[in-house]
Protein backbone atom coordinates (compact mmCIF):
# COMPACT_ATOMS: atom_id res chain seq x y z
CA MET A 1 -24.44 -4.58 -58.40
CA GLU A 2 -25.91 -4.76 -54.93
CA GLU A 3 -23.84 -7.86 -54.24
CA LYS A 4 -20.65 -5.95 -54.97
CA GLN A 5 -21.74 -3.08 -52.69
CA GLN A 6 -22.52 -5.54 -49.90
CA GLU A 7 -19.15 -7.22 -50.45
CA VAL A 8 -17.33 -3.86 -50.31
CA SER A 9 -19.33 -2.88 -47.23
CA GLY A 10 -18.50 -6.21 -45.59
CA ARG A 11 -14.79 -5.70 -46.31
CA GLN A 12 -14.94 -2.22 -44.82
CA ASP A 13 -16.62 -3.61 -41.72
CA LEU A 14 -13.95 -6.29 -41.42
CA ALA A 15 -11.23 -3.65 -41.79
CA LYS A 16 -12.83 -1.57 -39.01
CA ILE A 17 -13.06 -4.64 -36.78
CA GLN A 18 -9.42 -5.47 -37.49
CA GLN A 19 -8.33 -1.90 -36.67
CA THR A 20 -10.32 -1.97 -33.45
CA ALA A 21 -8.81 -5.32 -32.47
CA GLU A 22 -5.30 -3.99 -33.15
CA LYS A 23 -6.01 -0.91 -30.99
CA ILE A 24 -7.24 -3.15 -28.18
CA LEU A 25 -4.14 -5.35 -28.41
CA LEU A 26 -1.88 -2.28 -28.31
CA GLU A 27 -3.66 -1.01 -25.19
CA ILE A 28 -3.30 -4.41 -23.53
CA HIS A 29 0.40 -4.44 -24.41
CA LYS A 30 0.83 -0.93 -22.96
CA GLY A 31 -0.92 -2.06 -19.79
CA ASN A 32 1.40 -5.04 -19.40
CA SER A 33 4.52 -2.94 -19.85
CA THR A 34 3.42 -0.52 -17.13
CA ASN A 35 2.65 -3.28 -14.62
CA LYS A 36 6.31 -3.36 -13.59
CA GLN A 37 6.25 0.38 -13.05
CA GLN A 38 3.02 0.09 -11.07
CA MET A 39 4.48 -2.65 -8.89
CA ALA A 40 7.65 -0.64 -8.22
CA LYS A 41 5.62 2.46 -7.42
CA SER A 42 3.35 0.53 -5.05
CA PHE A 43 6.33 -1.10 -3.34
CA PHE A 44 8.09 2.20 -2.67
CA MET A 45 4.86 3.84 -1.55
CA GLY A 46 4.42 1.04 0.98
CA VAL A 47 8.00 1.33 2.21
CA PHE A 48 7.77 5.08 2.70
CA TYR A 49 4.32 4.81 4.31
CA ALA A 50 5.69 2.33 6.85
CA LEU A 51 8.77 4.48 7.45
CA GLY A 52 6.61 7.57 8.01
CA ALA A 53 4.29 5.72 10.36
CA THR A 54 7.25 4.40 12.37
CA ILE A 55 8.88 7.81 12.67
CA GLY A 56 5.54 9.42 13.54
CA PHE A 57 4.84 6.86 16.24
CA ALA A 58 8.33 7.31 17.69
CA ILE A 59 7.86 11.10 17.87
CA LEU A 60 4.43 10.70 19.46
CA LEU A 61 5.80 8.24 22.03
CA ALA A 62 8.71 10.56 22.82
CA VAL A 63 6.38 13.52 23.36
CA LEU A 64 4.08 11.46 25.58
CA THR A 65 7.00 10.14 27.62
CA PHE A 66 8.40 13.64 28.05
CA GLY A 67 4.98 14.89 29.15
CA VAL A 68 4.56 12.09 31.69
CA LYS A 69 8.02 12.79 33.12
CA LEU A 70 7.15 16.49 33.46
CA LEU A 71 4.04 15.54 35.42
CA GLY A 72 6.04 13.36 37.80
CA GLY A 73 5.53 9.97 36.23
CA LEU A 74 2.74 7.48 36.69
CA PRO A 75 2.78 6.30 40.30
CA VAL A 76 0.22 3.58 39.69
CA VAL A 77 2.31 1.95 36.98
CA GLY A 78 5.51 2.50 38.98
CA ASN A 79 4.04 0.76 42.03
CA TRP A 80 2.85 -2.10 39.88
CA PHE A 81 6.37 -2.65 38.54
CA VAL A 82 7.80 -2.53 42.07
CA HIS A 83 5.34 -5.17 43.30
CA PHE A 84 5.87 -7.26 40.18
CA GLY A 85 9.64 -7.14 40.69
CA LYS A 86 9.28 -8.20 44.33
CA TYR A 87 7.03 -11.05 43.24
CA LEU A 88 9.60 -12.24 40.72
CA HIS A 89 12.38 -12.21 43.35
CA THR A 90 10.35 -14.10 45.94
CA SER A 91 8.76 -16.67 43.70
CA SER A 92 10.52 -19.80 42.60
CA PHE A 93 9.89 -21.28 39.19
């Protein structure tokens, strides 16, 4: 009698293990099907992040340039370009 109870108990344990394994396989399958969605989402997030950073940098650069022009420019940098231009015209390569 005890043998039959152990056998029934063993079958129940095997059934639970099988159900658990099937649940795990289903979760793995779900994860694989969403990988494409995850990759697409990550790609577009990267594209829009780069686009936002580029536009933000362009706006910042425009504001800084406008501010420097309002202040009369940067004479030190302007003089450097003048001297550099003269050097290029006088030097021979």
